């Protein structure tokens, strides 16, 4: 049996979907019962993917951060849950935090 492999990579994760060479599209294969079971990012109707709220991308693999998460200092691993990069804090990652051991530094 021939198998095609679809690899979707984002900043945070890589999803690998093995697709038997059945002539079905990658979207139809993603909607197959064994592939849709256990995931909580999309639903399928007639072989077409619809992302659930908070997700985007071909396989709904990219969580939406929302407009309050600073795009330079924050990121999301789950929808609307802003995680801060090192040196930033707060709900939207806009508060600069001096790094430990920094004696003469300042935040901009």
PDB file of N, CA and C in Angstrom:
ATOM      1  N   UNK A   1       0.834  -1.169   0.000  1.00  0.00           N
ATOM      2  CA  UNK A   1       0.000   0.000   0.000  1.00  0.00           C
ATOM      3  C   UNK A   1       0.885   1.242   0.000  1.00  0.00           C
ATOM      4  N   UNK A   2       0.629   2.159  -0.907  1.00  0.00           N
ATOM      5  CA  UNK A   2       1.358   3.421  -0.944  1.00  0.00           C
ATOM      6  C   UNK A   2       0.755   4.374   0.084  1.00  0.00           C
ATOM      7  N   UNK A   3       1.626   5.186   0.684  1.00  0.00           N
ATOM      8  CA  UNK A   3       1.173   6.144   1.692  1.00  0.00           C
ATOM      9  C   UNK A   3       1.784   7.507   1.384  1.00  0.00           C
ATOM     10  N   UNK A   4       0.943   8.526   1.393  1.00  0.00           N
ATOM     11  CA  UNK A   4       1.426   9.901   1.293  1.00  0.00           C
ATOM     12  C   UNK A   4       1.449  10.460   2.708  1.00  0.00           C
ATOM     13  N   UNK A   5       2.409  11.324   2.996  1.00  0.00           N
ATOM     14  CA  UNK A   5       2.502  11.922   4.318  1.00  0.00           C
ATOM     15  C   UNK A   5       2.358  13.429   4.183  1.00  0.00           C
ATOM     16  N   UNK A   6       1.414  13.989   4.928  1.00  0.00           N
ATOM     17  CA  UNK A   6       1.191  15.431   4.966  1.00  0.00           C
ATOM     18  C   UNK A   6       1.738  15.934   6.290  1.00  0.00           C
ATOM     19  N   UNK A   7       2.685  16.847   6.222  1.00  0.00           N
ATOM     20  CA  UNK A   7       3.258  17.421   7.435  1.00  0.00           C
ATOM     21  C   UNK A   7       2.923  18.898   7.469  1.00  0.00           C
ATOM     22  N   UNK A   8       2.223  19.311   8.526  1.00  0.00           N
ATOM     23  CA  UNK A   8       1.862  20.711   8.719  1.00  0.00           C
ATOM     24  C   UNK A   8       2.670  21.206   9.909  1.00  0.00           C
ATOM     25  N   UNK A   9       3.514  22.193   9.697  1.00  0.00           N
ATOM     26  CA  UNK A   9       4.360  22.702  10.767  1.00  0.00           C
ATOM     27  C   UNK A   9       3.987  24.136  11.077  1.00  0.00           C
ATOM     28  N   UNK A  10       3.868  24.440  12.354  1.00  0.00           N
ATOM     29  CA  UNK A  10       3.662  25.807  12.802  1.00  0.00           C
ATOM     30  C   UNK A  10       4.793  26.148  13.748  1.00  0.00           C
ATOM     31  N   UNK A  11       4.793  27.336  14.239  1.00  0.00           N
ATOM     32  CA  UNK A  11       5.803  27.791  15.193  1.00  0.00           C
ATOM     33  C   UNK A  11       5.844  26.896  16.420  1.00  0.00           C
ATOM     34  N   UNK A  12       4.707  26.356  16.824  1.00  0.00           N
ATOM     35  CA  UNK A  12       4.615  25.641  18.089  1.00  0.00           C
ATOM     36  C   UNK A  12       4.543  24.133  17.972  1.00  0.00           C
ATOM     37  N   UNK A  13       4.128  23.606  16.827  1.00  0.00           N
ATOM     38  CA  UNK A  13       3.958  22.163  16.751  1.00  0.00           C
ATOM     39  C   UNK A  13       4.043  21.669  15.309  1.00  0.00           C
ATOM     40  N   UNK A  14       4.126  20.374  15.180  1.00  0.00           N
ATOM     41  CA  UNK A  14       4.097  19.727  13.876  1.00  0.00           C
ATOM     42  C   UNK A  14       3.048  18.627  13.922  1.00  0.00           C
ATOM     43  N   UNK A  15       2.111  18.660  12.981  1.00  0.00           N
ATOM     44  CA  UNK A  15       1.102  17.617  12.869  1.00  0.00           C
ATOM     45  C   UNK A  15       1.475  16.753  11.666  1.00  0.00           C
ATOM     46  N   UNK A  16       1.511  15.451  11.840  1.00  0.00           N
ATOM     47  CA  UNK A  16       1.806  14.528  10.754  1.00  0.00           C
ATOM     48  C   UNK A  16       0.562  13.703  10.500  1.00  0.00           C
ATOM     49  N   UNK A  17       0.119  13.694   9.271  1.00  0.00           N
ATOM     50  CA  UNK A  17      -1.070  12.951   8.887  1.00  0.00           C
ATOM     51  C   UNK A  17      -0.683  11.987   7.782  1.00  0.00           C
ATOM     52  N   UNK A  18      -0.725  10.702   8.056  1.00  0.00           N
ATOM     53  CA  UNK A  18      -0.400   9.688   7.053  1.00  0.00           C
ATOM     54  C   UNK A  18      -1.644   9.435   6.207  1.00  0.00           C
ATOM     55  N   UNK A  19      -1.481   9.568   4.916  1.00  0.00           N
ATOM     56  CA  UNK A  19      -2.622   9.458   4.022  1.00  0.00           C
ATOM     57  C   UNK A  19      -2.415   8.273   3.088  1.00  0.00           C
ATOM     58  N   UNK A  20      -3.209   7.199   3.240  1.00  0.00           N
ATOM     59  CA  UNK A  20      -3.125   6.093   2.288  1.00  0.00           C
ATOM     60  C   UNK A  20      -3.459   6.597   0.883  1.00  0.00           C
ATOM     61  N   UNK A  21      -2.796   6.079  -0.101  1.00  0.00           N
ATOM     62  CA  UNK A  21      -3.027   6.511  -1.477  1.00  0.00           C
ATOM     63  C   UNK A  21      -4.359   5.950  -1.968  1.00  0.00           C
ATOM     64  N   UNK A  22      -5.439   6.512  -1.476  1.00  0.00           N
ATOM     65  CA  UNK A  22      -6.778   6.032  -1.810  1.00  0.00           C
ATOM     66  C   UNK A  22      -7.450   6.897  -2.854  1.00  0.00           C
ATOM     67  N   UNK A  23      -6.799   8.000  -3.229  1.00  0.00           N
ATOM     68  CA  UNK A  23      -7.427   8.923  -4.165  1.00  0.00           C
ATOM     69  C   UNK A  23      -8.220  10.009  -3.461  1.00  0.00           C
ATOM     70  N   UNK A  24      -8.324   9.919  -2.112  1.00  0.00           N
ATOM     71  CA  UNK A  24      -9.024  10.959  -1.368  1.00  0.00           C
ATOM     72  C   UNK A  24      -8.106  12.152  -1.158  1.00  0.00           C
ATOM     73  N   UNK A  25      -8.690  13.332  -1.016  1.00  0.00           N
ATOM     74  CA  UNK A  25      -7.904  14.530  -0.743  1.00  0.00           C
ATOM     75  C   UNK A  25      -7.404  14.497   0.698  1.00  0.00           C
ATOM     76  N   UNK A  26      -6.408  15.340   1.010  1.00  0.00           N
ATOM     77  CA  UNK A  26      -5.890  15.409   2.378  1.00  0.00           C
ATOM     78  C   UNK A  26      -6.993  15.827   3.337  1.00  0.00           C
ATOM     79  N   UNK A  27      -7.899  16.674   2.863  1.00  0.00           N
ATOM     80  CA  UNK A  27      -8.990  17.140   3.715  1.00  0.00           C
ATOM     81  C   UNK A  27      -9.968  16.005   4.017  1.00  0.00           C
ATOM     82  N   UNK A  28     -10.288  15.207   3.016  1.00  0.00           N
ATOM     83  CA  UNK A  28     -11.160  14.046   3.233  1.00  0.00           C
ATOM     84  C   UNK A  28     -10.500  13.055   4.183  1.00  0.00           C
ATOM     85  N   UNK A  29      -9.180  12.888   4.047  1.00  0.00           N
ATOM     86  CA  UNK A  29      -8.470  11.971   4.933  1.00  0.00           C
ATOM     87  C   UNK A  29      -8.438  12.507   6.369  1.00  0.00           C
ATOM     88  N   UNK A  30      -8.255  13.811   6.524  1.00  0.00           N
ATOM     89  CA  UNK A  30      -8.267  14.415   7.862  1.00  0.00           C
ATOM     90  C   UNK A  30      -9.625  14.232   8.522  1.00  0.00           C
ATOM     91  N   UNK A  31     -10.664  14.103   7.709  1.00  0.00           N
ATOM     92  CA  UNK A  31     -12.021  13.928   8.230  1.00  0.00           C
ATOM     93  C   UNK A  31     -12.384  12.456   8.459  1.00  0.00           C
ATOM     94  N   UNK A  32     -11.487  11.546   8.126  1.00  0.00           N
ATOM     95  CA  UNK A  32     -11.744  10.121   8.370  1.00  0.00           C
ATOM     96  C   UNK A  32     -11.876   9.889   9.872  1.00  0.00           C
ATOM     97  N   UNK A  33     -12.699   8.942  10.240  1.00  0.00           N
ATOM     98  CA  UNK A  33     -13.016   8.692  11.653  1.00  0.00           C
ATOM     99  C   UNK A  33     -11.775   8.523  12.529  1.00  0.00           C
ATOM    100  N   UNK A  34     -10.783   7.778  12.058  1.00  0.00           N
ATOM    101  CA  UNK A  34      -9.595   7.540  12.887  1.00  0.00           C
ATOM    102  C   UNK A  34      -8.758   8.808  13.079  1.00  0.00           C
ATOM    103  N   UNK A  35      -8.872   9.780  12.185  1.00  0.00           N
ATOM    104  CA  UNK A  35      -8.091  11.011  12.306  1.00  0.00           C
ATOM    105  C   UNK A  35      -8.825  12.113  13.062  1.00  0.00           C
ATOM    106  N   UNK A  36     -10.121  12.101  13.037  1.00  0.00           N
ATOM    107  CA  UNK A  36     -10.888  13.148  13.722  1.00  0.00           C
ATOM    108  C   UNK A  36     -11.090  12.806  15.205  1.00  0.00           C
ATOM    109  N   UNK A  37     -10.988  11.528  15.527  1.00  0.00           N
ATOM    110  CA  UNK A  37     -11.188  11.075  16.901  1.00  0.00           C
ATOM    111  C   UNK A  37     -10.079  11.605  17.810  1.00  0.00           C
ATOM    112  N   UNK A  38     -10.449  12.176  18.940  1.00  0.00           N
ATOM    113  CA  UNK A  38      -9.476  12.617  19.930  1.00  0.00           C
ATOM    114  C   UNK A  38      -8.920  14.012  19.725  1.00  0.00           C
ATOM    115  N   UNK A  39      -9.267  14.681  18.652  1.00  0.00           N
ATOM    116  CA  UNK A  39      -8.801  16.055  18.466  1.00  0.00           C
ATOM    117  C   UNK A  39      -9.961  17.008  18.741  1.00  0.00           C
ATOM    118  N   UNK A  40      -9.640  18.237  19.125  1.00  0.00           N
ATOM    119  CA  UNK A  40     -10.686  19.201  19.496  1.00  0.00           C
ATOM    120  C   UNK A  40     -10.521  20.535  18.782  1.00  0.00           C
ATOM    121  N   UNK A  41     -10.008  20.480  17.544  1.00  0.00           N
ATOM    122  CA  UNK A  41      -9.754  21.720  16.813  1.00  0.00           C
ATOM    123  C   UNK A  41     -10.680  21.952  15.629  1.00  0.00           C
ATOM    124  N   UNK A  42     -11.287  20.892  15.089  1.00  0.00           N
ATOM    125  CA  UNK A  42     -12.145  21.059  13.913  1.00  0.00           C
ATOM    126  C   UNK A  42     -13.253  20.017  13.879  1.00  0.00           C
ATOM    127  N   UNK A  43     -14.248  20.316  13.056  1.00  0.00           N
ATOM    128  CA  UNK A  43     -15.307  19.362  12.746  1.00  0.00           C
ATOM    129  C   UNK A  43     -15.301  19.163  11.229  1.00  0.00           C
ATOM    130  N   UNK A  44     -15.986  18.138  10.793  1.00  0.00           N
ATOM    131  CA  UNK A  44     -16.060  17.850   9.364  1.00  0.00           C
ATOM    132  C   UNK A  44     -17.508  17.679   8.937  1.00  0.00           C
ATOM    133  N   UNK A  45     -17.771  18.123   7.733  1.00  0.00           N
ATOM    134  CA  UNK A  45     -19.073  17.918   7.118  1.00  0.00           C
ATOM    135  C   UNK A  45     -18.833  17.681   5.633  1.00  0.00           C
ATOM    136  N   UNK A  46     -19.267  16.529   5.150  1.00  0.00           N
ATOM    137  CA  UNK A  46     -19.109  16.154   3.750  1.00  0.00           C
ATOM    138  C   UNK A  46     -17.651  16.250   3.293  1.00  0.00           C
ATOM    139  N   UNK A  47     -16.727  15.820   4.160  1.00  0.00           N
ATOM    140  CA  UNK A  47     -15.316  15.793   3.806  1.00  0.00           C
ATOM    141  C   UNK A  47     -14.619  17.138   3.835  1.00  0.00           C
ATOM    142  N   UNK A  48     -15.254  18.139   4.406  1.00  0.00           N
ATOM    143  CA  UNK A  48     -14.666  19.479   4.483  1.00  0.00           C
ATOM    144  C   UNK A  48     -14.459  19.863   5.942  1.00  0.00           C
ATOM    145  N   UNK A  49     -13.307  20.464   6.232  1.00  0.00           N
ATOM    146  CA  UNK A  49     -12.943  20.864   7.586  1.00  0.00           C
ATOM    147  C   UNK A  49     -13.496  22.239   7.916  1.00  0.00           C
ATOM    148  N   UNK A  50     -14.039  22.366   9.122  1.00  0.00           N
ATOM    149  CA  UNK A  50     -14.455  23.656   9.667  1.00  0.00           C
ATOM    150  C   UNK A  50     -13.777  23.808  11.023  1.00  0.00           C
ATOM    151  N   UNK A  51     -12.977  24.865  11.165  1.00  0.00           N
ATOM    152  CA  UNK A  51     -12.274  25.097  12.428  1.00  0.00           C
ATOM    153  C   UNK A  51     -13.256  25.481  13.522  1.00  0.00           C
ATOM    154  N   UNK A  52     -13.001  24.958  14.710  1.00  0.00           N
ATOM    155  CA  UNK A  52     -13.776  25.361  15.882  1.00  0.00           C
ATOM    156  C   UNK A  52     -13.291  26.729  16.333  1.00  0.00           C
ATOM    157  N   UNK A  53     -14.113  27.453  17.104  1.00  0.00           N
ATOM    158  CA  UNK A  53     -13.703  28.790  17.549  1.00  0.00           C
ATOM    159  C   UNK A  53     -12.339  28.754  18.246  1.00  0.00           C
ATOM    160  N   UNK A  54     -11.488  29.698  17.878  1.00  0.00           N
ATOM    161  CA  UNK A  54     -10.173  29.809  18.484  1.00  0.00           C
ATOM    162  C   UNK A  54      -9.055  29.145  17.690  1.00  0.00           C
ATOM    163  N   UNK A  55      -9.375  28.490  16.566  1.00  0.00           N
ATOM    164  CA  UNK A  55      -8.360  27.789  15.768  1.00  0.00           C
ATOM    165  C   UNK A  55      -8.390  28.268  14.328  1.00  0.00           C
ATOM    166  N   UNK A  56      -7.230  28.220  13.656  1.00  0.00           N
ATOM    167  CA  UNK A  56      -7.127  28.567  12.237  1.00  0.00           C
ATOM    168  C   UNK A  56      -6.032  27.718  11.598  1.00  0.00           C
ATOM    169  N   UNK A  57      -5.942  27.747  10.273  1.00  0.00           N
ATOM    170  CA  UNK A  57      -4.943  26.968   9.538  1.00  0.00           C
ATOM    171  C   UNK A  57      -5.604  25.837   8.771  1.00  0.00           C
ATOM    172  N   UNK A  58      -4.842  25.196   7.883  1.00  0.00           N
ATOM    173  CA  UNK A  58      -5.379  24.121   7.051  1.00  0.00           C
ATOM    174  C   UNK A  58      -5.997  22.999   7.876  1.00  0.00           C
ATOM    175  N   UNK A  59      -5.299  22.597   8.951  1.00  0.00           N
ATOM    176  CA  UNK A  59      -5.816  21.556   9.844  1.00  0.00           C
ATOM    177  C   UNK A  59      -6.231  22.148  11.189  1.00  0.00           C
ATOM    178  N   UNK A  60      -6.513  23.450  11.187  1.00  0.00           N
ATOM    179  CA  UNK A  60      -6.932  24.149  12.405  1.00  0.00           C
ATOM    180  C   UNK A  60      -5.896  23.928  13.511  1.00  0.00           C
ATOM    181  N   UNK A  61      -4.625  23.983  13.142  1.00  0.00           N
ATOM    182  CA  UNK A  61      -3.541  23.695  14.064  1.00  0.00           C
ATOM    183  C   UNK A  61      -2.940  24.950  14.710  1.00  0.00           C
ATOM    184  N   UNK A  62      -3.402  26.144  14.318  1.00  0.00           N
ATOM    185  CA  UNK A  62      -2.841  27.390  14.839  1.00  0.00           C
ATOM    186  C   UNK A  62      -3.855  28.049  15.779  1.00  0.00           C
ATOM    187  N   UNK A  63      -3.500  28.180  17.066  1.00  0.00           N
ATOM    188  CA  UNK A  63      -4.426  28.819  18.002  1.00  0.00           C
ATOM    189  C   UNK A  63      -4.460  30.332  17.789  1.00  0.00           C
ATOM    190  N   UNK A  64      -5.655  30.912  17.877  1.00  0.00           N
ATOM    191  CA  UNK A  64      -5.801  32.363  17.791  1.00  0.00           C
ATOM    192  C   UNK A  64      -5.442  32.972  19.140  1.00  0.00           C
ATOM    193  N   UNK A  65      -4.685  34.037  19.111  1.00  0.00           N
ATOM    194  CA  UNK A  65      -4.293  34.689  20.361  1.00  0.00           C
ATOM    195  C   UNK A  65      -5.274  35.777  20.772  1.00  0.00           C
ATOM    196  N   UNK A  66      -5.884  36.425  19.852  1.00  0.00           N
ATOM    197  CA  UNK A  66      -6.726  37.570  20.162  1.00  0.00           C
ATOM    198  C   UNK A  66      -5.901  38.844  20.071  1.00  0.00           C
ATOM    199  N   UNK A  67      -6.558  39.960  19.972  1.00  0.00           N
ATOM    200  CA  UNK A  67      -5.868  41.230  19.750  1.00  0.00           C
ATOM    201  C   UNK A  67      -5.146  41.749  20.985  1.00  0.00           C
ATOM    202  N   UNK A  68      -5.476  41.247  22.174  1.00  0.00           N
ATOM    203  CA  UNK A  68      -4.833  41.756  23.381  1.00  0.00           C
ATOM    204  C   UNK A  68      -3.453  41.146  23.628  1.00  0.00           C
ATOM    205  N   UNK A  69      -3.087  40.053  22.990  1.00  0.00           N
ATOM    206  CA  UNK A  69      -1.783  39.414  23.176  1.00  0.00           C
ATOM    207  C   UNK A  69      -0.758  40.114  22.279  1.00  0.00           C
ATOM    208  N   UNK A  70       0.259  40.709  22.883  1.00  0.00           N
ATOM    209  CA  UNK A  70       1.277  41.436  22.127  1.00  0.00           C
ATOM    210  C   UNK A  70       1.973  40.488  21.149  1.00  0.00           C
ATOM    211  N   UNK A  71       1.951  40.783  19.845  1.00  0.00           N
ATOM    212  CA  UNK A  71       2.516  39.863  18.855  1.00  0.00           C
ATOM    213  C   UNK A  71       4.044  39.745  18.913  1.00  0.00           C
ATOM    214  N   UNK A  72       4.732  40.714  19.506  1.00  0.00           N
ATOM    215  CA  UNK A  72       6.190  40.643  19.612  1.00  0.00           C
ATOM    216  C   UNK A  72       6.640  39.972  20.902  1.00  0.00           C
ATOM    217  N   UNK A  73       5.837  40.061  21.951  1.00  0.00           N
ATOM    218  CA  UNK A  73       6.267  39.590  23.264  1.00  0.00           C
ATOM    219  C   UNK A  73       5.435  38.433  23.808  1.00  0.00           C
ATOM    220  N   UNK A  74       4.434  37.984  23.060  1.00  0.00           N
ATOM    221  CA  UNK A  74       3.587  36.887  23.510  1.00  0.00           C
ATOM    222  C   UNK A  74       3.246  35.929  22.381  1.00  0.00           C
ATOM    223  N   UNK A  75       2.721  34.767  22.744  1.00  0.00           N
ATOM    224  CA  UNK A  75       2.306  33.748  21.778  1.00  0.00           C
ATOM    225  C   UNK A  75       1.248  32.872  22.441  1.00  0.00           C
ATOM    226  N   UNK A  76       0.548  32.075  21.666  1.00  0.00           N
ATOM    227  CA  UNK A  76      -0.498  31.211  22.213  1.00  0.00           C
ATOM    228  C   UNK A  76      -0.219  29.746  21.881  1.00  0.00           C
ATOM    229  N   UNK A  77      -0.426  28.883  22.860  1.00  0.00           N
ATOM    230  CA  UNK A  77      -0.371  27.441  22.631  1.00  0.00           C
ATOM    231  C   UNK A  77      -1.776  26.856  22.654  1.00  0.00           C
ATOM    232  N   UNK A  78      -2.718  27.619  23.223  1.00  0.00           N
ATOM    233  CA  UNK A  78      -4.137  27.300  23.241  1.00  0.00           C
ATOM    234  C   UNK A  78      -4.874  28.576  22.857  1.00  0.00           C
ATOM    235  N   UNK A  79      -6.073  28.464  22.301  1.00  0.00           N
ATOM    236  CA  UNK A  79      -6.790  29.664  21.898  1.00  0.00           C
ATOM    237  C   UNK A  79      -6.969  30.657  23.052  1.00  0.00           C
ATOM    238  N   UNK A  80      -6.621  31.902  22.755  1.00  0.00           N
ATOM    239  CA  UNK A  80      -6.844  33.044  23.636  1.00  0.00           C
ATOM    240  C   UNK A  80      -6.144  32.934  24.995  1.00  0.00           C
ATOM    241  N   UNK A  81      -5.092  32.110  25.093  1.00  0.00           N
ATOM    242  CA  UNK A  81      -4.279  32.015  26.302  1.00  0.00           C
ATOM    243  C   UNK A  81      -2.888  32.526  25.954  1.00  0.00           C
ATOM    244  N   UNK A  82      -2.645  33.786  26.253  1.00  0.00           N
ATOM    245  CA  UNK A  82      -1.403  34.457  25.899  1.00  0.00           C
ATOM    246  C   UNK A  82      -0.281  34.021  26.841  1.00  0.00           C
ATOM    247  N   UNK A  83       0.794  33.481  26.278  1.00  0.00           N
ATOM    248  CA  UNK A  83       1.997  33.102  27.026  1.00  0.00           C
ATOM    249  C   UNK A  83       3.068  34.136  26.697  1.00  0.00           C
ATOM    250  N   UNK A  84       3.824  34.562  27.702  1.00  0.00           N
ATOM    251  CA  UNK A  84       4.806  35.630  27.505  1.00  0.00           C
ATOM    252  C   UNK A  84       6.206  35.094  27.232  1.00  0.00           C
ATOM    253  N   UNK A  85       6.921  35.799  26.371  1.00  0.00           N
ATOM    254  CA  UNK A  85       8.334  35.530  26.148  1.00  0.00           C
ATOM    255  C   UNK A  85       9.114  35.978  27.377  1.00  0.00           C
ATOM    256  N   UNK A  86      10.319  35.465  27.531  1.00  0.00           N
ATOM    257  CA  UNK A  86      11.191  35.827  28.635  1.00  0.00           C
ATOM    258  C   UNK A  86      11.373  37.345  28.673  1.00  0.00           C
ATOM    259  N   UNK A  87      11.186  37.912  29.851  1.00  0.00           N
ATOM    260  CA  UNK A  87      11.358  39.350  30.026  1.00  0.00           C
ATOM    261  C   UNK A  87      10.069  40.140  29.969  1.00  0.00           C
ATOM    262  N   UNK A  88       8.926  39.460  29.749  1.00  0.00           N
ATOM    263  CA  UNK A  88       7.632  40.133  29.686  1.00  0.00           C
ATOM    264  C   UNK A  88       6.608  39.389  30.526  1.00  0.00           C
ATOM    265  N   UNK A  89       5.629  40.125  31.035  1.00  0.00           N
ATOM    266  CA  UNK A  89       4.581  39.512  31.845  1.00  0.00           C
ATOM    267  C   UNK A  89       3.273  40.257  31.644  1.00  0.00           C
ATOM    268  N   UNK A  90       2.256  39.821  32.368  1.00  0.00           N
ATOM    269  CA  UNK A  90       0.931  40.433  32.282  1.00  0.00           C
ATOM    270  C   UNK A  90       0.009  39.646  31.378  1.00  0.00           C
ATOM    271  N   UNK A  91      -1.275  39.957  31.429  1.00  0.00           N
ATOM    272  CA  UNK A  91      -2.270  39.249  30.623  1.00  0.00           C
ATOM    273  C   UNK A  91      -1.998  39.349  29.128  1.00  0.00           C
ATOM    274  N   UNK A  92      -1.432  40.489  28.687  1.00  0.00           N
ATOM    275  CA  UNK A  92      -1.183  40.680  27.267  1.00  0.00           C
ATOM    276  C   UNK A  92       0.309  40.740  26.933  1.00  0.00           C
ATOM    277  N   UNK A  93       1.164  40.426  27.896  1.00  0.00           N
ATOM    278  CA  UNK A  93       2.627  40.382  27.712  1.00  0.00           C
ATOM    279  C   UNK A  93       3.198  41.734  27.289  1.00  0.00           C
ATOM    280  N   UNK A  94       2.681  42.802  27.866  1.00  0.00           N
ATOM    281  CA  UNK A  94       3.164  44.141  27.547  1.00  0.00           C
ATOM    282  C   UNK A  94       3.970  44.761  28.692  1.00  0.00           C
ATOM    283  N   UNK A  95       4.079  44.044  29.805  1.00  0.00           N
ATOM    284  CA  UNK A  95       4.814  44.567  30.954  1.00  0.00           C
ATOM    285  C   UNK A  95       6.238  44.023  30.937  1.00  0.00           C
ATOM    286  N   UNK A  96       7.195  44.925  30.844  1.00  0.00           N
ATOM    287  CA  UNK A  96       8.600  44.533  30.806  1.00  0.00           C
ATOM    288  C   UNK A  96       9.061  44.168  32.212  1.00  0.00           C
ATOM    289  N   UNK A  97       9.825  43.085  32.305  1.00  0.00           N
ATOM    290  CA  UNK A  97      10.355  42.612  33.583  1.00  0.00           C
ATOM    291  C   UNK A  97      11.871  42.601  33.472  1.00  0.00           C
ATOM    292  N   UNK A  98      12.538  43.257  34.407  1.00  0.00           N
ATOM    293  CA  UNK A  98      14.003  43.216  34.397  1.00  0.00           C
ATOM    294  C   UNK A  98      14.451  41.785  34.672  1.00  0.00           C
ATOM    295  N   UNK A  99      15.424  41.343  33.939  1.00  0.00           N
ATOM    296  CA  UNK A  99      15.920  39.981  34.101  1.00  0.00           C
ATOM    297  C   UNK A  99      16.756  39.864  35.364  1.00  0.00           C
ATOM    298  N   UNK A 100      16.740  38.718  36.022  1.00  0.00           N
ATOM    299  CA  UNK A 100      17.533  38.523  37.240  1.00  0.00           C
ATOM    300  C   UNK A 100      19.016  38.797  36.983  1.00  0.00           C
ATOM    301  N   UNK A 101      19.646  39.493  37.917  1.00  0.00           N
ATOM    302  CA  UNK A 101      21.065  39.791  37.788  1.00  0.00           C
ATOM    303  C   UNK A 101      21.362  41.044  36.993  1.00  0.00           C
ATOM    304  N   UNK A 102      20.336  41.663  36.445  1.00  0.00           N
ATOM    305  CA  UNK A 102      20.527  42.884  35.645  1.00  0.00           C
ATOM    306  C   UNK A 102      20.611  44.077  36.616  1.00  0.00           C
ATOM    307  N   UNK A 103      21.795  44.712  36.718  1.00  0.00           N
ATOM    308  CA  UNK A 103      21.993  45.798  37.683  1.00  0.00           C
ATOM    309  C   UNK A 103      21.747  47.166  37.081  1.00  0.00           C
ATOM    310  N   UNK A 104      22.123  47.362  35.840  1.00  0.00           N
ATOM    311  CA  UNK A 104      22.015  48.682  35.247  1.00  0.00           C
ATOM    312  C   UNK A 104      21.020  48.734  34.087  1.00  0.00           C
ATOM    313  N   UNK A 105      20.288  47.671  33.905  1.00  0.00           N
ATOM    314  CA  UNK A 105      19.358  47.601  32.795  1.00  0.00           C
ATOM    315  C   UNK A 105      18.044  48.333  33.080  1.00  0.00           C
ATOM    316  N   UNK A 106      17.264  48.493  32.039  1.00  0.00           N
ATOM    317  CA  UNK A 106      15.959  49.128  32.170  1.00  0.00           C
ATOM    318  C   UNK A 106      15.037  48.572  31.086  1.00  0.00           C
ATOM    319  N   UNK A 107      13.756  48.779  31.281  1.00  0.00           N
ATOM    320  CA  UNK A 107      12.762  48.340  30.303  1.00  0.00           C
ATOM    321  C   UNK A 107      12.428  49.470  29.352  1.00  0.00           C
ATOM    322  N   UNK A 108      12.156  49.097  28.110  1.00  0.00           N
ATOM    323  CA  UNK A 108      11.722  50.089  27.126  1.00  0.00           C
ATOM    324  C   UNK A 108      10.320  49.798  26.707  1.00  0.00           C
TER     325      UNK A 108
END
